[in-house]
PDB file of N, CA and C in Angstrom:
ATOM      1  N   MET A   1       1.044  -1.576   0.107  1.00  0.00           N
ATOM      2  CA  MET A   1       0.175   0.294   0.049  1.00  0.00           C
ATOM      3  C   MET A   1       1.200   1.292  -0.047  1.00  0.00           C
ATOM      4  N   ALA A   2       0.622   2.175  -0.518  1.00  0.00           N
ATOM      5  CA  ALA A   2       0.760   3.078  -0.671  1.00  0.00           C
ATOM      6  C   ALA A   2       0.973   4.393   0.386  1.00  0.00           C
ATOM      7  N   GLN A   3       1.925   4.951   0.478  1.00  0.00           N
ATOM      8  CA  GLN A   3       1.925   5.713   2.108  1.00  0.00           C
ATOM      9  C   GLN A   3       2.069   7.274   1.416  1.00  0.00           C
ATOM     10  N   GLN A   4       1.598   7.843   2.771  1.00  0.00           N
ATOM     11  CA  GLN A   4       0.932   9.042   2.193  1.00  0.00           C
ATOM     12  C   GLN A   4       2.086   9.698   3.664  1.00  0.00           C
ATOM     13  N   LYS A   5       2.872  11.215   3.185  1.00  0.00           N
ATOM     14  CA  LYS A   5       4.005  11.207   3.678  1.00  0.00           C
ATOM     15  C   LYS A   5       2.740  13.132   3.933  1.00  0.00           C
ATOM     16  N   PRO A   6       2.818  13.187   5.381  1.00  0.00           N
ATOM     17  CA  PRO A   6       2.174  14.614   5.071  1.00  0.00           C
ATOM     18  C   PRO A   6       3.048  15.729   4.897  1.00  0.00           C
ATOM     19  N   GLN A   7       2.132  16.844   4.664  1.00  0.00           N
ATOM     20  CA  GLN A   7       2.900  17.768   3.747  1.00  0.00           C
ATOM     21  C   GLN A   7       3.183  19.377   5.461  1.00  0.00           C
ATOM     22  N   PRO A   8       4.226  19.265   4.761  1.00  0.00           N
ATOM     23  CA  PRO A   8       4.144  20.841   6.251  1.00  0.00           C
ATOM     24  C   PRO A   8       3.700  21.063   6.045  1.00  0.00           C
ATOM     25  N   ALA A   9       3.468  21.575   6.877  1.00  0.00           N
ATOM     26  CA  ALA A   9       1.954  23.235   7.098  1.00  0.00           C
ATOM     27  C   ALA A   9       2.347  24.610   6.350  1.00  0.00           C
ATOM     28  N   THR A  10       3.634  25.022   6.993  1.00  0.00           N
ATOM     29  CA  THR A  10       4.685  26.605   6.124  1.00  0.00           C
ATOM     30  C   THR A  10       4.079  26.624   4.885  1.00  0.00           C
ATOM     31  N   GLY A  11       3.682  27.993   4.710  1.00  0.00           N
ATOM     32  CA  GLY A  11       3.127  28.790   2.971  1.00  0.00           C
ATOM     33  C   GLY A  11       2.347  27.244   2.391  1.00  0.00           C
ATOM     34  N   SER A  12       1.283  26.297   2.914  1.00  0.00           N
ATOM     35  CA  SER A  12       0.682  25.994   2.831  1.00  0.00           C
ATOM     36  C   SER A  12      -0.934  26.879   2.116  1.00  0.00           C
ATOM     37  N   GLY A  13      -1.055  27.667   3.132  1.00  0.00           N
ATOM     38  CA  GLY A  13      -2.232  28.098   2.459  1.00  0.00           C
ATOM     39  C   GLY A  13      -1.824  29.661   1.616  1.00  0.00           C
ATOM     40  N   ILE A  14      -1.144  30.104   1.259  1.00  0.00           N
ATOM     41  CA  ILE A  14      -0.948  30.429   0.565  1.00  0.00           C
ATOM     42  C   ILE A  14      -0.894  29.561  -0.834  1.00  0.00           C
ATOM     43  N   LEU A  15      -0.003  28.666  -0.602  1.00  0.00           N
ATOM     44  CA  LEU A  15      -0.298  27.971  -1.752  1.00  0.00           C
ATOM     45  C   LEU A  15      -1.799  27.662  -2.774  1.00  0.00           C
ATOM     46  N   ASP A  16      -2.570  27.265  -1.635  1.00  0.00           N
ATOM     47  CA  ASP A  16      -4.184  27.447  -2.354  1.00  0.00           C
ATOM     48  C   ASP A  16      -4.565  28.753  -2.417  1.00  0.00           C
ATOM     49  N   ALA A  17      -3.768  29.361  -1.949  1.00  0.00           N
ATOM     50  CA  ALA A  17      -4.892  30.622  -2.460  1.00  0.00           C
ATOM     51  C   ALA A  17      -4.411  31.143  -3.561  1.00  0.00           C
ATOM     52  N   VAL A  18      -3.355  30.579  -4.871  1.00  0.00           N
ATOM     53  CA  VAL A  18      -2.720  31.134  -5.780  1.00  0.00           C
ATOM     54  C   VAL A  18      -3.945  30.472  -7.262  1.00  0.00           C
ATOM     55  N   PRO A  19      -4.197  29.731  -7.140  1.00  0.00           N
ATOM     56  CA  PRO A  19      -5.501  29.296  -8.326  1.00  0.00           C
ATOM     57  C   PRO A  19      -6.767  31.288  -7.998  1.00  0.00           C
ATOM     58  N   LEU A  20      -7.210  30.690  -6.758  1.00  0.00           N
ATOM     59  CA  LEU A  20      -8.084  31.925  -6.781  1.00  0.00           C
ATOM     60  C   LEU A  20      -7.236  33.197  -7.093  1.00  0.00           C
ATOM     61  N   PHE A  21      -5.876  33.710  -6.255  1.00  0.00           N
ATOM     62  CA  PHE A  21      -5.312  34.861  -6.898  1.00  0.00           C
ATOM     63  C   PHE A  21      -5.734  34.665  -8.804  1.00  0.00           C
ATOM     64  N   VAL A  22      -4.802  34.173  -9.337  1.00  0.00           N
ATOM     65  CA  VAL A  22      -4.869  33.583 -10.699  1.00  0.00           C
ATOM     66  C   VAL A  22      -6.637  34.296 -11.583  1.00  0.00           C
ATOM     67  N   VAL A  23      -7.461  33.427 -11.002  1.00  0.00           N
ATOM     68  CA  VAL A  23      -8.737  33.516 -11.307  1.00  0.00           C
ATOM     69  C   VAL A  23      -9.298  35.217 -10.922  1.00  0.00           C
ATOM     70  N   LEU A  24      -8.916  35.356  -9.565  1.00  0.00           N
ATOM     71  CA  LEU A  24      -9.960  37.046  -9.888  1.00  0.00           C
ATOM     72  C   LEU A  24      -8.694  38.036 -10.696  1.00  0.00           C
ATOM     73  N   LEU A  25      -7.185  37.130 -11.444  1.00  0.00           N
ATOM     74  CA  LEU A  25      -6.867  38.340 -12.132  1.00  0.00           C
ATOM     75  C   LEU A  25      -7.243  38.051 -13.092  1.00  0.00           C
ATOM     76  N   LEU A  26      -6.997  37.352 -13.971  1.00  0.00           N
ATOM     77  CA  LEU A  26      -7.759  36.699 -15.284  1.00  0.00           C
ATOM     78  C   LEU A  26      -9.586  37.708 -14.725  1.00  0.00           C
ATOM     79  N   ALA A  27      -9.919  37.564 -14.180  1.00  0.00           N
ATOM     80  CA  ALA A  27     -11.402  37.923 -14.039  1.00  0.00           C
ATOM     81  C   ALA A  27     -11.062  39.773 -14.165  1.00  0.00           C
ATOM     82  N   ALA A  28     -10.334  40.127 -13.546  1.00  0.00           N
ATOM     83  CA  ALA A  28     -10.111  41.736 -13.668  1.00  0.00           C
ATOM     84  C   ALA A  28      -9.391  41.863 -14.887  1.00  0.00           C
ATOM     85  N   HIS A  29      -9.155  41.501 -16.021  1.00  0.00           N
ATOM     86  CA  HIS A  29      -8.186  42.187 -16.913  1.00  0.00           C
ATOM     87  C   HIS A  29      -9.953  41.941 -17.965  1.00  0.00           C
ATOM     88  N   VAL A  30     -10.491  40.964 -18.128  1.00  0.00           N
ATOM     89  CA  VAL A  30     -11.292  40.651 -19.001  1.00  0.00           C
ATOM     90  C   VAL A  30     -12.411  41.375 -19.249  1.00  0.00           C
ATOM     91  N   LEU A  31     -12.920  42.420 -17.091  1.00  0.00           N
ATOM     92  CA  LEU A  31     -13.473  42.700 -16.977  1.00  0.00           C
ATOM     93  C   LEU A  31     -13.469  44.737 -17.811  1.00  0.00           C
ATOM     94  N   ALA A  32     -12.272  44.226 -17.760  1.00  0.00           N
ATOM     95  CA  ALA A  32     -10.901  45.754 -17.586  1.00  0.00           C
ATOM     96  C   ALA A  32     -10.946  45.852 -19.516  1.00  0.00           C
ATOM     97  N   LEU A  33     -10.792  44.941 -20.104  1.00  0.00           N
ATOM     98  CA  LEU A  33     -10.779  45.208 -21.468  1.00  0.00           C
ATOM     99  C   LEU A  33     -12.150  44.906 -22.196  1.00  0.00           C
ATOM    100  N   VAL A  34     -13.729  44.066 -21.579  1.00  0.00           N
ATOM    101  CA  VAL A  34     -14.775  44.044 -21.614  1.00  0.00           C
ATOM    102  C   VAL A  34     -15.477  46.212 -21.930  1.00  0.00           C
ATOM    103  N   PHE A  35     -14.627  47.246 -20.550  1.00  0.00           N
ATOM    104  CA  PHE A  35     -15.037  48.653 -20.001  1.00  0.00           C
ATOM    105  C   PHE A  35     -14.502  48.789 -21.184  1.00  0.00           C
ATOM    106  N   TRP A  36     -13.533  48.259 -21.594  1.00  0.00           N
ATOM    107  CA  TRP A  36     -12.382  49.792 -22.579  1.00  0.00           C
ATOM    108  C   TRP A  36     -13.811  49.386 -24.084  1.00  0.00           C
ATOM    109  N   MET A  37     -13.542  48.057 -24.407  1.00  0.00           N
ATOM    110  CA  MET A  37     -14.460  48.071 -25.575  1.00  0.00           C
ATOM    111  C   MET A  37     -15.244  48.362 -25.677  1.00  0.00           C
ATOM    112  N   TYR A  38     -16.343  48.613 -24.728  1.00  0.00           N
ATOM    113  CA  TYR A  38     -17.364  49.075 -24.474  1.00  0.00           C
ATOM    114  C   TYR A  38     -17.396  51.271 -24.485  1.00  0.00           C
ATOM    115  N   LYS A  39     -15.932  51.595 -24.616  1.00  0.00           N
ATOM    116  CA  LYS A  39     -15.881  52.944 -23.818  1.00  0.00           C
ATOM    117  C   LYS A  39     -15.654  53.218 -25.402  1.00  0.00           C
ATOM    118  N   LEU A  40     -14.808  53.048 -26.063  1.00  0.00           N
ATOM    119  CA  LEU A  40     -14.377  53.194 -27.305  1.00  0.00           C
ATOM    120  C   LEU A  40     -15.018  52.698 -28.904  1.00  0.00           C
ATOM    121  N   ALA A  41     -16.648  51.641 -28.241  1.00  0.00           N
ATOM    122  CA  ALA A  41     -18.054  51.696 -29.068  1.00  0.00           C
ATOM    123  C   ALA A  41     -18.554  52.925 -29.111  1.00  0.00           C
ATOM    124  N   SER A  42     -18.875  52.890 -27.593  1.00  0.00           N
ATOM    125  CA  SER A  42     -20.307  54.673 -27.425  1.00  0.00           C
ATOM    126  C   SER A  42     -18.846  56.205 -27.527  1.00  0.00           C
ATOM    127  N   GLU A  43     -18.099  55.507 -27.601  1.00  0.00           N
ATOM    128  CA  GLU A  43     -16.758  56.945 -28.240  1.00  0.00           C
ATOM    129  C   GLU A  43     -17.803  57.743 -29.460  1.00  0.00           C
ATOM    130  N   LYS A  44     -18.554  59.123 -29.341  1.00  0.00           N
ATOM    131  CA  LYS A  44     -19.023  59.805 -30.171  1.00  0.00           C
ATOM    132  C   LYS A  44     -17.965  59.804 -31.009  1.00  0.00           C
ATOM    133  N   GLN A  45     -18.134  59.286 -32.457  1.00  0.00           N
ATOM    134  CA  GLN A  45     -16.677  60.045 -33.593  1.00  0.00           C
ATOM    135  C   GLN A  45     -17.187  61.698 -34.174  1.00  0.00           C
ATOM    136  N   PRO A  46     -16.017  62.687 -34.103  1.00  0.00           N
ATOM    137  CA  PRO A  46     -15.873  63.204 -35.296  1.00  0.00           C
ATOM    138  C   PRO A  46     -17.042  63.420 -36.254  1.00  0.00           C
ATOM    139  N   PRO A  47     -17.328  63.739 -36.859  1.00  0.00           N
ATOM    140  CA  PRO A  47     -17.806  63.753 -37.801  1.00  0.00           C
ATOM    141  C   PRO A  47     -16.824  63.935 -39.395  1.00  0.00           C
ATOM    142  N   ARG A  48     -16.747  63.329 -40.524  1.00  0.00           N
ATOM    143  CA  ARG A  48     -16.331  63.619 -41.255  1.00  0.00           C
ATOM    144  C   ARG A  48     -16.299  64.223 -42.551  1.00  0.00           C
ATOM    145  N   ARG A  49     -15.527  64.982 -43.401  1.00  0.00           N
ATOM    146  CA  ARG A  49     -15.671  65.635 -44.227  1.00  0.00           C
ATOM    147  C   ARG A  49     -14.976  65.728 -45.630  1.00  0.00           C
ATOM    148  N   LYS A  50     -15.615  65.099 -46.595  1.00  0.00           N
ATOM    149  CA  LYS A  50     -15.749  64.886 -47.896  1.00  0.00           C
ATOM    150  C   LYS A  50     -14.105  65.994 -48.127  1.00  0.00           C
ATOM    151  N   THR A  51     -13.303  65.530 -48.205  1.00  0.00           N
ATOM    152  CA  THR A  51     -12.275  66.839 -49.424  1.00  0.00           C
ATOM    153  C   THR A  51     -12.089  66.762 -51.276  1.00  0.00           C
ATOM    154  N   GLN A  52     -12.658  67.292 -51.634  1.00  0.00           N
ATOM    155  CA  GLN A  52     -12.571  67.577 -52.951  1.00  0.00           C
ATOM    156  C   GLN A  52     -11.438  68.181 -53.901  1.00  0.00           C
TER     157      GLN A  52
END
């Protein structure tokens, strides 16, 4: 039978929080990208003048 070694308690809380931190960081970037695209799309464009 396989014996499981006990993991040291030092730093395990930080290592458990890393995936959550990565997901939150990714979500923040996605929200910022969506907000930037919305702002860019809703920006009023200056009227174009045709030069002849």
